[in-house]
Amino acid sequence: MAYDSLLSLTQTLEQILHSDDKCQVLHETEKQIGRSLLEKVRFLLSFLEDHSHKNSETIRCLEGKIRVAAYEAEDIIESQIDISDQIVSDSRNPCERCGV
């Protein structure tokens, strides 16, 4: 299911890049990296659409590697966004940390 994992990653990236809340936290360099990654993910989706019908060992192996990489990338991105959200939340409510 490499295709499904890439679709999920695409949705995550698009949500981040098109969300005003998330984009405020991202630096321009991070936005560029996100856009570049989204472009590469879309390329892989297109590649799979064109080649996944071929039932070769090479394609199956490649699909497995793509699936794992997409899941790992999405996990890393989501964890970084969670950390950024927490930092922003803490900076908006500094007294919550110390119980005041």
N, C-alpha and C. Protein backbone atom coordinates (compact mmCIF):
# COMPACT_ATOMS: atom_id res chain seq x y z
N MET A 1 0.80 -1.19 0.00
CA MET A 1 0.00 0.00 0.00
C MET A 1 0.86 1.27 0.00
N ALA A 2 1.87 1.29 -0.79
CA ALA A 2 2.73 2.47 -0.90
C ALA A 2 1.92 3.67 -1.36
N TYR A 3 1.00 3.44 -2.27
CA TYR A 3 0.20 4.53 -2.81
C TYR A 3 -0.61 5.20 -1.69
N ASP A 4 -1.23 4.39 -0.84
CA ASP A 4 -2.03 4.93 0.26
C ASP A 4 -1.17 5.71 1.25
N SER A 5 0.02 5.21 1.54
CA SER A 5 0.89 5.91 2.48
C SER A 5 1.35 7.24 1.89
N LEU A 6 1.57 7.29 0.59
CA LEU A 6 1.94 8.55 -0.07
C LEU A 6 0.77 9.52 -0.09
N LEU A 7 -0.44 9.01 -0.29
CA LEU A 7 -1.62 9.89 -0.24
C LEU A 7 -1.78 10.50 1.15
N SER A 8 -1.56 9.71 2.17
CA SER A 8 -1.66 10.21 3.53
C SER A 8 -0.61 11.29 3.78
N LEU A 9 0.61 11.04 3.34
CA LEU A 9 1.68 12.02 3.50
C LEU A 9 1.35 13.30 2.73
N THR A 10 0.79 13.16 1.53
CA THR A 10 0.38 14.32 0.73
C THR A 10 -0.64 15.16 1.49
N GLN A 11 -1.62 14.50 2.06
CA GLN A 11 -2.66 15.22 2.81
C GLN A 11 -2.07 15.94 4.01
N THR A 12 -1.17 15.28 4.72
CA THR A 12 -0.53 15.90 5.87
C THR A 12 0.25 17.14 5.45
N LEU A 13 1.04 17.02 4.40
CA LEU A 13 1.83 18.16 3.92
C LEU A 13 0.94 19.30 3.44
N GLU A 14 -0.11 18.97 2.70
CA GLU A 14 -1.01 20.02 2.21
C GLU A 14 -1.71 20.73 3.37
N GLN A 15 -2.11 19.98 4.38
CA GLN A 15 -2.76 20.60 5.54
C GLN A 15 -1.81 21.56 6.23
N ILE A 16 -0.57 21.15 6.37
CA ILE A 16 0.42 22.01 7.04
C ILE A 16 0.71 23.25 6.20
N LEU A 17 0.93 23.05 4.92
CA LEU A 17 1.31 24.16 4.05
C LEU A 17 0.17 25.13 3.77
N HIS A 18 -1.07 24.66 3.91
CA HIS A 18 -2.22 25.52 3.62
C HIS A 18 -2.96 25.96 4.87
N SER A 19 -2.45 25.61 6.02
CA SER A 19 -3.08 26.02 7.27
C SER A 19 -2.43 27.30 7.77
N ASP A 20 -3.23 28.30 8.01
CA ASP A 20 -2.69 29.56 8.51
C ASP A 20 -2.03 29.37 9.87
N ASP A 21 -2.64 28.56 10.74
CA ASP A 21 -2.07 28.33 12.07
C ASP A 21 -0.69 27.69 11.97
N LYS A 22 -0.57 26.64 11.15
CA LYS A 22 0.70 25.92 11.03
C LYS A 22 1.74 26.75 10.31
N CYS A 23 1.33 27.48 9.29
CA CYS A 23 2.30 28.26 8.50
C CYS A 23 2.90 29.40 9.30
N GLN A 24 2.19 29.89 10.30
CA GLN A 24 2.75 30.96 11.12
C GLN A 24 3.95 30.46 11.90
N VAL A 25 3.96 29.18 12.25
CA VAL A 25 5.03 28.61 13.04
C VAL A 25 6.24 28.25 12.15
N LEU A 26 5.99 27.98 10.89
CA LEU A 26 7.05 27.55 9.99
C LEU A 26 7.87 28.73 9.47
N HIS A 27 9.16 28.53 9.42
CA HIS A 27 10.05 29.51 8.79
C HIS A 27 9.98 29.29 7.29
N GLU A 28 10.42 30.28 6.53
CA GLU A 28 10.36 30.17 5.06
C GLU A 28 11.15 28.96 4.56
N THR A 29 12.27 28.67 5.17
CA THR A 29 13.06 27.50 4.77
C THR A 29 12.27 26.21 4.96
N GLU A 30 11.56 26.11 6.08
CA GLU A 30 10.75 24.92 6.34
C GLU A 30 9.61 24.81 5.34
N LYS A 31 9.02 25.93 4.96
CA LYS A 31 7.97 25.92 3.96
C LYS A 31 8.51 25.43 2.62
N GLN A 32 9.72 25.89 2.26
CA GLN A 32 10.34 25.45 1.01
C GLN A 32 10.62 23.96 1.05
N ILE A 33 11.10 23.47 2.18
CA ILE A 33 11.35 22.03 2.32
C ILE A 33 10.05 21.26 2.19
N GLY A 34 9.00 21.76 2.82
CA GLY A 34 7.70 21.11 2.73
C GLY A 34 7.18 21.06 1.32
N ARG A 35 7.31 22.17 0.60
CA ARG A 35 6.85 22.21 -0.79
C ARG A 35 7.68 21.27 -1.67
N SER A 36 8.98 21.22 -1.42
CA SER A 36 9.86 20.33 -2.18
C SER A 36 9.50 18.86 -1.90
N LEU A 37 9.27 18.55 -0.65
CA LEU A 37 8.88 17.18 -0.30
C LEU A 37 7.55 16.82 -0.94
N LEU A 38 6.60 17.74 -0.92
CA LEU A 38 5.30 17.50 -1.54
C LEU A 38 5.45 17.23 -3.03
N GLU A 39 6.32 17.97 -3.68
CA GLU A 39 6.58 17.76 -5.11
C GLU A 39 7.15 16.36 -5.36
N LYS A 40 8.06 15.92 -4.51
CA LYS A 40 8.65 14.59 -4.66
C LYS A 40 7.63 13.49 -4.39
N VAL A 41 6.78 13.72 -3.41
CA VAL A 41 5.73 12.74 -3.09
C VAL A 41 4.77 12.62 -4.27
N ARG A 42 4.41 13.74 -4.86
CA ARG A 42 3.52 13.71 -6.04
C ARG A 42 4.18 12.98 -7.21
N PHE A 43 5.48 13.15 -7.36
CA PHE A 43 6.20 12.41 -8.40
C PHE A 43 6.10 10.91 -8.15
N LEU A 44 6.32 10.50 -6.89
CA LEU A 44 6.24 9.08 -6.56
C LEU A 44 4.83 8.53 -6.77
N LEU A 45 3.82 9.33 -6.45
CA LEU A 45 2.45 8.90 -6.71
C LEU A 45 2.24 8.65 -8.20
N SER A 46 2.72 9.57 -9.01
CA SER A 46 2.60 9.42 -10.46
C SER A 46 3.36 8.18 -10.95
N PHE A 47 4.55 7.99 -10.40
CA PHE A 47 5.36 6.82 -10.76
C PHE A 47 4.59 5.54 -10.44
N LEU A 48 4.02 5.48 -9.25
CA LEU A 48 3.29 4.27 -8.87
C LEU A 48 2.06 4.06 -9.74
N GLU A 49 1.38 5.15 -10.10
CA GLU A 49 0.23 5.02 -10.99
C GLU A 49 0.65 4.41 -12.32
N ASP A 50 1.81 4.80 -12.80
CA ASP A 50 2.29 4.33 -14.10
C ASP A 50 2.89 2.93 -14.06
N HIS A 51 3.44 2.52 -12.89
CA HIS A 51 4.22 1.29 -12.87
C HIS A 51 3.72 0.21 -11.91
N SER A 52 2.79 0.52 -11.03
CA SER A 52 2.40 -0.47 -10.03
C SER A 52 1.64 -1.66 -10.62
N HIS A 53 1.09 -1.49 -11.81
CA HIS A 53 0.40 -2.61 -12.45
C HIS A 53 1.39 -3.69 -12.92
N LYS A 54 2.64 -3.31 -13.02
CA LYS A 54 3.67 -4.28 -13.40
C LYS A 54 3.96 -5.14 -12.18
N ASN A 55 3.83 -6.40 -12.33
CA ASN A 55 3.95 -7.31 -11.20
C ASN A 55 5.36 -7.90 -11.14
N SER A 56 6.35 -7.03 -11.01
CA SER A 56 7.72 -7.51 -10.93
C SER A 56 8.24 -7.42 -9.50
N GLU A 57 9.21 -8.21 -9.21
CA GLU A 57 9.82 -8.21 -7.88
C GLU A 57 10.44 -6.85 -7.56
N THR A 58 11.04 -6.23 -8.55
CA THR A 58 11.68 -4.93 -8.36
C THR A 58 10.65 -3.87 -7.95
N ILE A 59 9.51 -3.85 -8.62
CA ILE A 59 8.45 -2.87 -8.30
C ILE A 59 7.90 -3.16 -6.91
N ARG A 60 7.65 -4.41 -6.57
CA ARG A 60 7.13 -4.74 -5.23
C ARG A 60 8.11 -4.32 -4.14
N CYS A 61 9.39 -4.55 -4.36
CA CYS A 61 10.41 -4.16 -3.40
C CYS A 61 10.45 -2.64 -3.25
N LEU A 62 10.40 -1.94 -4.37
CA LEU A 62 10.41 -0.48 -4.35
C LEU A 62 9.17 0.07 -3.64
N GLU A 63 8.02 -0.54 -3.89
CA GLU A 63 6.79 -0.11 -3.22
C GLU A 63 6.91 -0.27 -1.71
N GLY A 64 7.52 -1.35 -1.27
CA GLY A 64 7.72 -1.56 0.16
C GLY A 64 8.60 -0.49 0.77
N LYS A 65 9.66 -0.15 0.09
CA LYS A 65 10.57 0.89 0.59
C LYS A 65 9.88 2.26 0.60
N ILE A 66 9.10 2.54 -0.43
CA ILE A 66 8.38 3.80 -0.49
C ILE A 66 7.37 3.88 0.66
N ARG A 67 6.65 2.80 0.90
CA ARG A 67 5.65 2.77 1.97
C ARG A 67 6.28 3.06 3.32
N VAL A 68 7.38 2.39 3.63
CA VAL A 68 8.06 2.59 4.90
C VAL A 68 8.57 4.04 5.02
N ALA A 69 9.18 4.55 3.97
CA ALA A 69 9.71 5.92 3.99
C ALA A 69 8.59 6.94 4.17
N ALA A 70 7.46 6.72 3.51
CA ALA A 70 6.34 7.66 3.62
C ALA A 70 5.79 7.67 5.04
N TYR A 71 5.61 6.48 5.64
CA TYR A 71 5.12 6.41 7.02
C TYR A 71 6.09 7.08 7.98
N GLU A 72 7.38 6.82 7.81
CA GLU A 72 8.38 7.43 8.69
C GLU A 72 8.41 8.95 8.53
N ALA A 73 8.33 9.43 7.30
CA ALA A 73 8.32 10.87 7.06
C ALA A 73 7.10 11.52 7.71
N GLU A 74 5.95 10.88 7.56
CA GLU A 74 4.73 11.44 8.16
C GLU A 74 4.82 11.46 9.68
N ASP A 75 5.35 10.40 10.26
CA ASP A 75 5.52 10.37 11.72
C ASP A 75 6.44 11.49 12.20
N ILE A 76 7.54 11.70 11.50
CA ILE A 76 8.49 12.75 11.88
C ILE A 76 7.85 14.12 11.75
N ILE A 77 7.17 14.35 10.65
CA ILE A 77 6.52 15.65 10.42
C ILE A 77 5.48 15.91 11.50
N GLU A 78 4.64 14.93 11.77
CA GLU A 78 3.59 15.12 12.77
C GLU A 78 4.17 15.35 14.16
N SER A 79 5.24 14.64 14.49
CA SER A 79 5.83 14.85 15.82
C SER A 79 6.45 16.23 15.93
N GLN A 80 7.07 16.73 14.86
CA GLN A 80 7.65 18.07 14.88
C GLN A 80 6.55 19.14 14.98
N ILE A 81 5.44 18.92 14.30
CA ILE A 81 4.32 19.86 14.38
C ILE A 81 3.75 19.86 15.78
N ASP A 82 3.64 18.68 16.40
CA ASP A 82 3.15 18.61 17.78
C ASP A 82 4.06 19.39 18.72
N ILE A 83 5.36 19.26 18.54
CA ILE A 83 6.32 19.99 19.37
C ILE A 83 6.17 21.49 19.14
N SER A 84 6.06 21.90 17.88
CA SER A 84 5.90 23.32 17.55
C SER A 84 4.60 23.87 18.14
N ASP A 85 3.53 23.09 18.05
CA ASP A 85 2.25 23.52 18.61
C ASP A 85 2.37 23.71 20.12
N GLN A 86 3.09 22.81 20.77
CA GLN A 86 3.26 22.92 22.22
C GLN A 86 4.07 24.16 22.58
N ILE A 87 5.11 24.43 21.83
CA ILE A 87 5.93 25.62 22.08
C ILE A 87 5.09 26.88 21.91
N VAL A 88 4.31 26.94 20.84
CA VAL A 88 3.46 28.11 20.61
C VAL A 88 2.43 28.23 21.72
N SER A 89 1.84 27.13 22.11
CA SER A 89 0.85 27.15 23.19
C SER A 89 1.48 27.63 24.49
N ASP A 90 2.66 27.14 24.80
CA ASP A 90 3.35 27.56 26.02
C ASP A 90 3.71 29.04 25.98
N SER A 91 4.09 29.54 24.81
CA SER A 91 4.48 30.95 24.73
C SER A 91 3.26 31.87 24.85
N ARG A 92 2.11 31.36 24.47
CA ARG A 92 0.88 32.16 24.58
C ARG A 92 0.34 32.14 26.02
N ASN A 93 0.60 31.06 26.74
CA ASN A 93 0.08 30.88 28.09
C ASN A 93 1.22 30.53 29.05
N PRO A 94 2.16 31.44 29.27
CA PRO A 94 3.34 31.10 30.08
C PRO A 94 2.99 30.75 31.52
N CYS A 95 1.92 31.27 32.03
CA CYS A 95 1.58 31.00 33.45
C CYS A 95 1.04 29.59 33.65
N GLU A 96 0.56 28.95 32.60
CA GLU A 96 0.06 27.59 32.73
C GLU A 96 1.17 26.62 33.12
N ARG A 97 2.38 26.89 32.67
CA ARG A 97 3.51 26.00 32.99
C ARG A 97 3.85 26.02 34.46
N CYS A 98 3.72 27.17 35.09
CA CYS A 98 4.12 27.26 36.49
C CYS A 98 2.91 27.18 37.42
N GLY A 99 1.71 26.98 36.88
CA GLY A 99 0.53 26.79 37.70
C GLY A 99 -0.08 28.05 38.26
N VAL A 100 0.24 29.18 37.67
CA VAL A 100 -0.32 30.46 38.16
C VAL A 100 -1.60 30.75 37.45
